[in-house]
Amino acid sequence: MRTIKSKTALPGISKAEIYSSPARKTSELNESSVAYQKLDPAKYGHVIDCQLSDEELAMANDPNVKPFGHISDSAAYVRKIRKASRP
């Protein structure tokens, strides 16, 4: 397991928990065992605060509204968005 030795490298590192993926044979999955640190969500998270219009609020509370319900082929939709966002 790999850990970061310097506590000044990332703020809040002393409160972070250390996680590692289970040991597996890299030849089977073509991925290495990676350790990462989970930051404290109370300290680093933030609440997204946006005002909804009356129409948006009505749609948010309507159980019949299905977001992205008009999309039949998700792969094609993602490709289209990625092509449109390229500079």
PDB file of N, CA and C in Angstrom:
ATOM      1  N   MET A   1       0.834  -1.168   0.000  1.00  0.00           N
ATOM      2  CA  MET A   1       0.000   0.000   0.000  1.00  0.00           C
ATOM      3  C   MET A   1       0.884   1.237   0.000  1.00  0.00           C
ATOM      4  N   ARG A   2       0.537   2.225  -0.824  1.00  0.00           N
ATOM      5  CA  ARG A   2       1.305   3.446  -0.948  1.00  0.00           C
ATOM      6  C   ARG A   2       0.643   4.546  -0.140  1.00  0.00           C
ATOM      7  N   THR A   3       1.403   5.280   0.627  1.00  0.00           N
ATOM      8  CA  THR A   3       0.857   6.393   1.399  1.00  0.00           C
ATOM      9  C   THR A   3       1.674   7.636   1.114  1.00  0.00           C
ATOM     10  N   ILE A   4       1.090   8.784   1.378  1.00  0.00           N
ATOM     11  CA  ILE A   4       1.783  10.045   1.213  1.00  0.00           C
ATOM     12  C   ILE A   4       2.490  10.347   2.522  1.00  0.00           C
ATOM     13  N   LYS A   5       3.791  10.601   2.443  1.00  0.00           N
ATOM     14  CA  LYS A   5       4.573  10.792   3.654  1.00  0.00           C
ATOM     15  C   LYS A   5       4.438  12.202   4.203  1.00  0.00           C
ATOM     16  N   SER A   6       4.285  13.193   3.344  1.00  0.00           N
ATOM     17  CA  SER A   6       4.205  14.574   3.795  1.00  0.00           C
ATOM     18  C   SER A   6       2.760  14.941   4.081  1.00  0.00           C
ATOM     19  N   LYS A   7       2.483  15.387   5.299  1.00  0.00           N
ATOM     20  CA  LYS A   7       1.118  15.784   5.648  1.00  0.00           C
ATOM     21  C   LYS A   7       0.788  17.159   5.097  1.00  0.00           C
ATOM     22  N   THR A   8       1.797  17.898   4.636  1.00  0.00           N
ATOM     23  CA  THR A   8       1.538  19.207   4.063  1.00  0.00           C
ATOM     24  C   THR A   8       1.212  19.123   2.585  1.00  0.00           C
ATOM     25  N   ALA A   9       1.316  17.946   1.991  1.00  0.00           N
ATOM     26  CA  ALA A   9       1.051  17.789   0.563  1.00  0.00           C
ATOM     27  C   ALA A   9      -0.414  18.043   0.242  1.00  0.00           C
ATOM     28  N   LEU A  10      -1.299  17.589   1.099  1.00  0.00           N
ATOM     29  CA  LEU A  10      -2.732  17.800   0.914  1.00  0.00           C
ATOM     30  C   LEU A  10      -3.319  18.323   2.218  1.00  0.00           C
ATOM     31  N   PRO A  11      -4.111  19.396   2.171  1.00  0.00           N
ATOM     32  CA  PRO A  11      -4.703  19.886   3.409  1.00  0.00           C
ATOM     33  C   PRO A  11      -5.709  18.878   3.961  1.00  0.00           C
ATOM     34  N   GLY A  12      -5.739  18.714   5.244  1.00  0.00           N
ATOM     35  CA  GLY A  12      -6.670  17.792   5.883  1.00  0.00           C
ATOM     36  C   GLY A  12      -6.253  16.347   5.781  1.00  0.00           C
ATOM     37  N   ILE A  13      -5.006  16.098   5.418  1.00  0.00           N
ATOM     38  CA  ILE A  13      -4.553  14.728   5.198  1.00  0.00           C
ATOM     39  C   ILE A  13      -4.550  13.938   6.506  1.00  0.00           C
ATOM     40  N   SER A  14      -4.353  14.634   7.632  1.00  0.00           N
ATOM     41  CA  SER A  14      -4.289  13.917   8.902  1.00  0.00           C
ATOM     42  C   SER A  14      -5.644  13.327   9.270  1.00  0.00           C
ATOM     43  N   LYS A  15      -6.739  13.924   8.788  1.00  0.00           N
ATOM     44  CA  LYS A  15      -8.077  13.424   9.083  1.00  0.00           C
ATOM     45  C   LYS A  15      -8.580  12.446   8.023  1.00  0.00           C
ATOM     46  N   ALA A  16      -7.823  12.303   6.953  1.00  0.00           N
ATOM     47  CA  ALA A  16      -8.256  11.441   5.848  1.00  0.00           C
ATOM     48  C   ALA A  16      -8.041   9.982   6.210  1.00  0.00           C
ATOM     49  N   GLU A  17      -8.920   9.141   5.687  1.00  0.00           N
ATOM     50  CA  GLU A  17      -8.795   7.717   5.882  1.00  0.00           C
ATOM     51  C   GLU A  17      -8.042   7.116   4.707  1.00  0.00           C
ATOM     52  N   ILE A  18      -7.343   6.027   4.939  1.00  0.00           N
ATOM     53  CA  ILE A  18      -6.577   5.392   3.876  1.00  0.00           C
ATOM     54  C   ILE A  18      -7.323   4.150   3.411  1.00  0.00           C
ATOM     55  N   TYR A  19      -7.544   4.064   2.115  1.00  0.00           N
ATOM     56  CA  TYR A  19      -8.221   2.924   1.521  1.00  0.00           C
ATOM     57  C   TYR A  19      -7.289   2.308   0.483  1.00  0.00           C
ATOM     58  N   SER A  20      -7.397   1.047   0.306  1.00  0.00           N
ATOM     59  CA  SER A  20      -6.648   0.412  -0.771  1.00  0.00           C
ATOM     60  C   SER A  20      -7.523  -0.650  -1.406  1.00  0.00           C
ATOM     61  N   SER A  21      -7.288  -0.864  -2.674  1.00  0.00           N
ATOM     62  CA  SER A  21      -8.047  -1.895  -3.361  1.00  0.00           C
ATOM     63  C   SER A  21      -7.504  -3.259  -2.954  1.00  0.00           C
ATOM     64  N   PRO A  22      -8.318  -4.289  -3.022  1.00  0.00           N
ATOM     65  CA  PRO A  22      -7.837  -5.620  -2.637  1.00  0.00           C
ATOM     66  C   PRO A  22      -6.714  -6.094  -3.560  1.00  0.00           C
ATOM     67  N   ALA A  23      -5.839  -6.901  -2.999  1.00  0.00           N
ATOM     68  CA  ALA A  23      -4.707  -7.399  -3.787  1.00  0.00           C
ATOM     69  C   ALA A  23      -5.224  -8.371  -4.844  1.00  0.00           C
ATOM     70  N   ARG A  24      -4.889  -8.101  -6.086  1.00  0.00           N
ATOM     71  CA  ARG A  24      -5.289  -8.950  -7.211  1.00  0.00           C
ATOM     72  C   ARG A  24      -4.082  -9.140  -8.101  1.00  0.00           C
ATOM     73  N   LYS A  25      -4.158 -10.117  -8.934  1.00  0.00           N
ATOM     74  CA  LYS A  25      -3.096 -10.305  -9.905  1.00  0.00           C
ATOM     75  C   LYS A  25      -3.277  -9.284 -11.017  1.00  0.00           C
ATOM     76  N   THR A  26      -2.245  -8.469 -11.247  1.00  0.00           N
ATOM     77  CA  THR A  26      -2.371  -7.436 -12.276  1.00  0.00           C
ATOM     78  C   THR A  26      -2.459  -8.022 -13.669  1.00  0.00           C
ATOM     79  N   SER A  27      -1.956  -9.234 -13.848  1.00  0.00           N
ATOM     80  CA  SER A  27      -2.026  -9.833 -15.177  1.00  0.00           C
ATOM     81  C   SER A  27      -3.451 -10.212 -15.546  1.00  0.00           C
ATOM     82  N   GLU A  28      -4.296 -10.439 -14.541  1.00  0.00           N
ATOM     83  CA  GLU A  28      -5.681 -10.817 -14.823  1.00  0.00           C
ATOM     84  C   GLU A  28      -6.531  -9.610 -15.185  1.00  0.00           C
ATOM     85  N   LEU A  29      -6.349  -8.490 -14.463  1.00  0.00           N
ATOM     86  CA  LEU A  29      -7.242  -7.356 -14.648  1.00  0.00           C
ATOM     87  C   LEU A  29      -6.600  -6.175 -15.363  1.00  0.00           C
ATOM     88  N   ASN A  30      -5.297  -6.228 -15.624  1.00  0.00           N
ATOM     89  CA  ASN A  30      -4.565  -5.133 -16.251  1.00  0.00           C
ATOM     90  C   ASN A  30      -4.710  -3.828 -15.476  1.00  0.00           C
ATOM     91  N   GLU A  31      -4.745  -3.908 -14.169  1.00  0.00           N
ATOM     92  CA  GLU A  31      -4.774  -2.719 -13.343  1.00  0.00           C
ATOM     93  C   GLU A  31      -3.928  -2.975 -12.109  1.00  0.00           C
ATOM     94  N   SER A  32      -3.346  -1.920 -11.600  1.00  0.00           N
ATOM     95  CA  SER A  32      -2.503  -2.075 -10.424  1.00  0.00           C
ATOM     96  C   SER A  32      -3.307  -1.791  -9.164  1.00  0.00           C
ATOM     97  N   SER A  33      -2.786  -2.234  -8.057  1.00  0.00           N
ATOM     98  CA  SER A  33      -3.416  -1.973  -6.769  1.00  0.00           C
ATOM     99  C   SER A  33      -3.096  -0.531  -6.387  1.00  0.00           C
ATOM    100  N   VAL A  34      -4.118   0.284  -6.210  1.00  0.00           N
ATOM    101  CA  VAL A  34      -3.926   1.709  -5.962  1.00  0.00           C
ATOM    102  C   VAL A  34      -4.507   2.071  -4.606  1.00  0.00           C
ATOM    103  N   ALA A  35      -3.749   2.826  -3.833  1.00  0.00           N
ATOM    104  CA  ALA A  35      -4.234   3.336  -2.559  1.00  0.00           C
ATOM    105  C   ALA A  35      -4.628   4.798  -2.746  1.00  0.00           C
ATOM    106  N   TYR A  36      -5.715   5.212  -2.136  1.00  0.00           N
ATOM    107  CA  TYR A  36      -6.124   6.605  -2.206  1.00  0.00           C
ATOM    108  C   TYR A  36      -6.684   7.015  -0.857  1.00  0.00           C
ATOM    109  N   GLN A  37      -6.770   8.310  -0.653  1.00  0.00           N
ATOM    110  CA  GLN A  37      -7.233   8.820   0.619  1.00  0.00           C
ATOM    111  C   GLN A  37      -8.561   9.524   0.424  1.00  0.00           C
ATOM    112  N   LYS A  38      -9.483   9.246   1.310  1.00  0.00           N
ATOM    113  CA  LYS A  38     -10.810   9.844   1.253  1.00  0.00           C
ATOM    114  C   LYS A  38     -10.814  11.068   2.154  1.00  0.00           C
ATOM    115  N   LEU A  39     -11.135  12.234   1.591  1.00  0.00           N
ATOM    116  CA  LEU A  39     -11.159  13.452   2.367  1.00  0.00           C
ATOM    117  C   LEU A  39     -12.462  13.563   3.143  1.00  0.00           C
ATOM    118  N   ASP A  40     -12.436  14.340   4.196  1.00  0.00           N
ATOM    119  CA  ASP A  40     -13.599  14.546   5.049  1.00  0.00           C
ATOM    120  C   ASP A  40     -14.637  15.376   4.294  1.00  0.00           C
ATOM    121  N   PRO A  41     -15.831  14.823   4.014  1.00  0.00           N
ATOM    122  CA  PRO A  41     -16.828  15.576   3.254  1.00  0.00           C
ATOM    123  C   PRO A  41     -17.342  16.801   4.007  1.00  0.00           C
ATOM    124  N   ALA A  42     -17.329  16.768   5.333  1.00  0.00           N
ATOM    125  CA  ALA A  42     -17.792  17.927   6.096  1.00  0.00           C
ATOM    126  C   ALA A  42     -16.870  19.121   5.881  1.00  0.00           C
ATOM    127  N   LYS A  43     -15.600  18.860   5.674  1.00  0.00           N
ATOM    128  CA  LYS A  43     -14.637  19.941   5.498  1.00  0.00           C
ATOM    129  C   LYS A  43     -14.490  20.357   4.035  1.00  0.00           C
ATOM    130  N   TYR A  44     -14.492  19.395   3.118  1.00  0.00           N
ATOM    131  CA  TYR A  44     -14.196  19.686   1.722  1.00  0.00           C
ATOM    132  C   TYR A  44     -15.426  19.712   0.817  1.00  0.00           C
ATOM    133  N   GLY A  45     -16.553  19.228   1.289  1.00  0.00           N
ATOM    134  CA  GLY A  45     -17.757  19.234   0.469  1.00  0.00           C
ATOM    135  C   GLY A  45     -18.430  20.594   0.498  1.00  0.00           C
ATOM    136  N   HIS A  46     -19.305  20.824  -0.444  1.00  0.00           N
ATOM    137  CA  HIS A  46     -20.088  22.055  -0.437  1.00  0.00           C
ATOM    138  C   HIS A  46     -21.477  21.763  -0.975  1.00  0.00           C
ATOM    139  N   VAL A  47     -22.416  22.564  -0.553  1.00  0.00           N
ATOM    140  CA  VAL A  47     -23.809  22.402  -0.956  1.00  0.00           C
ATOM    141  C   VAL A  47     -24.054  23.246  -2.198  1.00  0.00           C
ATOM    142  N   ILE A  48     -24.660  22.638  -3.195  1.00  0.00           N
ATOM    143  CA  ILE A  48     -25.016  23.372  -4.403  1.00  0.00           C
ATOM    144  C   ILE A  48     -26.349  24.059  -4.129  1.00  0.00           C
ATOM    145  N   ASP A  49     -26.334  25.366  -4.158  1.00  0.00           N
ATOM    146  CA  ASP A  49     -27.527  26.144  -3.847  1.00  0.00           C
ATOM    147  C   ASP A  49     -27.930  26.932  -5.080  1.00  0.00           C
ATOM    148  N   CYS A  50     -29.050  26.558  -5.677  1.00  0.00           N
ATOM    149  CA  CYS A  50     -29.546  27.303  -6.825  1.00  0.00           C
ATOM    150  C   CYS A  50     -31.056  27.474  -6.676  1.00  0.00           C
ATOM    151  N   GLN A  51     -31.534  28.568  -7.172  1.00  0.00           N
ATOM    152  CA  GLN A  51     -32.957  28.872  -7.088  1.00  0.00           C
ATOM    153  C   GLN A  51     -33.674  28.260  -8.291  1.00  0.00           C
ATOM    154  N   LEU A  52     -34.744  27.523  -8.030  1.00  0.00           N
ATOM    155  CA  LEU A  52     -35.529  26.923  -9.099  1.00  0.00           C
ATOM    156  C   LEU A  52     -36.727  27.801  -9.400  1.00  0.00           C
ATOM    157  N   SER A  53     -37.063  27.873 -10.684  1.00  0.00           N
ATOM    158  CA  SER A  53     -38.274  28.597 -11.060  1.00  0.00           C
ATOM    159  C   SER A  53     -39.487  27.748 -10.663  1.00  0.00           C
ATOM    160  N   ASP A  54     -40.656  28.340 -10.735  1.00  0.00           N
ATOM    161  CA  ASP A  54     -41.872  27.603 -10.371  1.00  0.00           C
ATOM    162  C   ASP A  54     -42.073  26.384 -11.267  1.00  0.00           C
ATOM    163  N   GLU A  55     -41.757  26.532 -12.559  1.00  0.00           N
ATOM    164  CA  GLU A  55     -41.901  25.420 -13.502  1.00  0.00           C
ATOM    165  C   GLU A  55     -40.915  24.296 -13.171  1.00  0.00           C
ATOM    166  N   GLU A  56     -39.665  24.663 -12.883  1.00  0.00           N
ATOM    167  CA  GLU A  56     -38.657  23.668 -12.528  1.00  0.00           C
ATOM    168  C   GLU A  56     -38.998  22.964 -11.223  1.00  0.00           C
ATOM    169  N   LEU A  57     -39.526  23.705 -10.261  1.00  0.00           N
ATOM    170  CA  LEU A  57     -39.915  23.122  -8.985  1.00  0.00           C
ATOM    171  C   LEU A  57     -41.076  22.145  -9.159  1.00  0.00           C
ATOM    172  N   ALA A  58     -42.035  22.491 -10.022  1.00  0.00           N
ATOM    173  CA  ALA A  58     -43.159  21.588 -10.296  1.00  0.00           C
ATOM    174  C   ALA A  58     -42.672  20.310 -10.966  1.00  0.00           C
ATOM    175  N   MET A  59     -41.702  20.432 -11.892  1.00  0.00           N
ATOM    176  CA  MET A  59     -41.165  19.248 -12.557  1.00  0.00           C
ATOM    177  C   MET A  59     -40.357  18.394 -11.581  1.00  0.00           C
ATOM    178  N   ALA A  60     -39.632  19.034 -10.662  1.00  0.00           N
ATOM    179  CA  ALA A  60     -38.826  18.295  -9.696  1.00  0.00           C
ATOM    180  C   ALA A  60     -39.693  17.474  -8.752  1.00  0.00           C
ATOM    181  N   ASN A  61     -40.881  17.960  -8.459  1.00  0.00           N
ATOM    182  CA  ASN A  61     -41.775  17.262  -7.536  1.00  0.00           C
ATOM    183  C   ASN A  61     -42.751  16.317  -8.232  1.00  0.00           C
ATOM    184  N   ASP A  62     -42.755  16.291  -9.565  1.00  0.00           N
ATOM    185  CA  ASP A  62     -43.655  15.432 -10.325  1.00  0.00           C
ATOM    186  C   ASP A  62     -43.020  14.050 -10.507  1.00  0.00           C
ATOM    187  N   PRO A  63     -43.649  12.979  -9.993  1.00  0.00           N
ATOM    188  CA  PRO A  63     -43.055  11.642 -10.128  1.00  0.00           C
ATOM    189  C   PRO A  63     -43.079  11.104 -11.556  1.00  0.00           C
ATOM    190  N   ASN A  64     -43.844  11.704 -12.440  1.00  0.00           N
ATOM    191  CA  ASN A  64     -43.926  11.229 -13.822  1.00  0.00           C
ATOM    192  C   ASN A  64     -42.824  11.787 -14.715  1.00  0.00           C
ATOM    193  N   VAL A  65     -42.094  12.778 -14.238  1.00  0.00           N
ATOM    194  CA  VAL A  65     -41.018  13.382 -15.029  1.00  0.00           C
ATOM    195  C   VAL A  65     -39.783  12.505 -14.929  1.00  0.00           C
ATOM    196  N   LYS A  66     -39.257  12.105 -16.065  1.00  0.00           N
ATOM    197  CA  LYS A  66     -38.064  11.266 -16.129  1.00  0.00           C
ATOM    198  C   LYS A  66     -36.941  12.058 -16.796  1.00  0.00           C
ATOM    199  N   PRO A  67     -35.905  12.475 -16.041  1.00  0.00           N
ATOM    200  CA  PRO A  67     -34.801  13.192 -16.667  1.00  0.00           C
ATOM    201  C   PRO A  67     -34.127  12.332 -17.734  1.00  0.00           C
ATOM    202  N   PHE A  68     -33.784  12.924 -18.836  1.00  0.00           N
ATOM    203  CA  PHE A  68     -33.148  12.266 -19.972  1.00  0.00           C
ATOM    204  C   PHE A  68     -34.016  11.133 -20.531  1.00  0.00           C
ATOM    205  N   GLY A  69     -35.305  11.196 -20.346  1.00  0.00           N
ATOM    206  CA  GLY A  69     -36.207  10.176 -20.863  1.00  0.00           C
ATOM    207  C   GLY A  69     -36.312  10.188 -22.375  1.00  0.00           C
ATOM    208  N   HIS A  70     -35.941  11.296 -22.994  1.00  0.00           N
ATOM    209  CA  HIS A  70     -36.007  11.400 -24.452  1.00  0.00           C
ATOM    210  C   HIS A  70     -34.827  10.725 -25.138  1.00  0.00           C
ATOM    211  N   ILE A  71     -33.839  10.269 -24.376  1.00  0.00           N
ATOM    212  CA  ILE A  71     -32.636   9.669 -24.955  1.00  0.00           C
ATOM    213  C   ILE A  71     -32.827   8.157 -25.045  1.00  0.00           C
ATOM    214  N   SER A  72     -32.718   7.637 -26.260  1.00  0.00           N
ATOM    215  CA  SER A  72     -32.860   6.193 -26.439  1.00  0.00           C
ATOM    216  C   SER A  72     -31.506   5.495 -26.514  1.00  0.00           C
ATOM    217  N   ASP A  73     -30.494   6.170 -27.076  1.00  0.00           N
ATOM    218  CA  ASP A  73     -29.158   5.594 -27.207  1.00  0.00           C
ATOM    219  C   ASP A  73     -28.183   6.461 -26.414  1.00  0.00           C
ATOM    220  N   SER A  74     -27.847   6.032 -25.203  1.00  0.00           N
ATOM    221  CA  SER A  74     -27.004   6.854 -24.337  1.00  0.00           C
ATOM    222  C   SER A  74     -25.592   7.000 -24.876  1.00  0.00           C
ATOM    223  N   ALA A  75     -25.052   5.973 -25.513  1.00  0.00           N
ATOM    224  CA  ALA A  75     -23.688   6.060 -26.056  1.00  0.00           C
ATOM    225  C   ALA A  75     -23.610   7.117 -27.148  1.00  0.00           C
ATOM    226  N   ALA A  76     -24.587   7.144 -28.033  1.00  0.00           N
ATOM    227  CA  ALA A  76     -24.606   8.144 -29.102  1.00  0.00           C
ATOM    228  C   ALA A  76     -24.786   9.548 -28.520  1.00  0.00           C
ATOM    229  N   TYR A  77     -25.599   9.670 -27.487  1.00  0.00           N
ATOM    230  CA  TYR A  77     -25.819  10.957 -26.837  1.00  0.00           C
ATOM    231  C   TYR A  77     -24.520  11.485 -26.223  1.00  0.00           C
ATOM    232  N   VAL A  78     -23.767  10.629 -25.549  1.00  0.00           N
ATOM    233  CA  VAL A  78     -22.503  11.033 -24.938  1.00  0.00           C
ATOM    234  C   VAL A  78     -21.490  11.426 -26.012  1.00  0.00           C
ATOM    235  N   ARG A  79     -21.408  10.651 -27.097  1.00  0.00           N
ATOM    236  CA  ARG A  79     -20.496  11.004 -28.190  1.00  0.00           C
ATOM    237  C   ARG A  79     -20.848  12.375 -28.768  1.00  0.00           C
ATOM    238  N   LYS A  80     -22.133  12.647 -28.937  1.00  0.00           N
ATOM    239  CA  LYS A  80     -22.580  13.924 -29.481  1.00  0.00           C
ATOM    240  C   LYS A  80     -22.184  15.075 -28.560  1.00  0.00           C
ATOM    241  N   ILE A  81     -22.357  14.905 -27.252  1.00  0.00           N
ATOM    242  CA  ILE A  81     -21.986  15.943 -26.299  1.00  0.00           C
ATOM    243  C   ILE A  81     -20.486  16.163 -26.301  1.00  0.00           C
ATOM    244  N   ARG A  82     -19.716  15.084 -26.348  1.00  0.00           N
ATOM    245  CA  ARG A  82     -18.254  15.215 -26.340  1.00  0.00           C
ATOM    246  C   ARG A  82     -17.747  15.927 -27.591  1.00  0.00           C
ATOM    247  N   LYS A  83     -18.348  15.610 -28.750  1.00  0.00           N
ATOM    248  CA  LYS A  83     -17.934  16.285 -29.978  1.00  0.00           C
ATOM    249  C   LYS A  83     -18.284  17.764 -29.929  1.00  0.00           C
ATOM    250  N   ALA A  84     -19.436  18.103 -29.351  1.00  0.00           N
ATOM    251  CA  ALA A  84     -19.873  19.493 -29.287  1.00  0.00           C
ATOM    252  C   ALA A  84     -19.021  20.301 -28.318  1.00  0.00           C
ATOM    253  N   SER A  85     -18.466  19.675 -27.299  1.00  0.00           N
ATOM    254  CA  SER A  85     -17.710  20.407 -26.288  1.00  0.00           C
ATOM    255  C   SER A  85     -16.240  20.580 -26.651  1.00  0.00           C
ATOM    256  N   ARG A  86     -15.775  19.926 -27.714  1.00  0.00           N
ATOM    257  CA  ARG A  86     -14.375  20.082 -28.129  1.00  0.00           C
ATOM    258  C   ARG A  86     -14.161  21.464 -28.736  1.00  0.00           C
ATOM    259  N   PRO A  87     -12.999  22.069 -28.434  1.00  0.00           N
ATOM    260  CA  PRO A  87     -12.734  23.416 -29.005  1.00  0.00           C
ATOM    261  C   PRO A  87     -12.410  23.382 -30.477  1.00  0.00           C
TER     262      PRO A  87
END
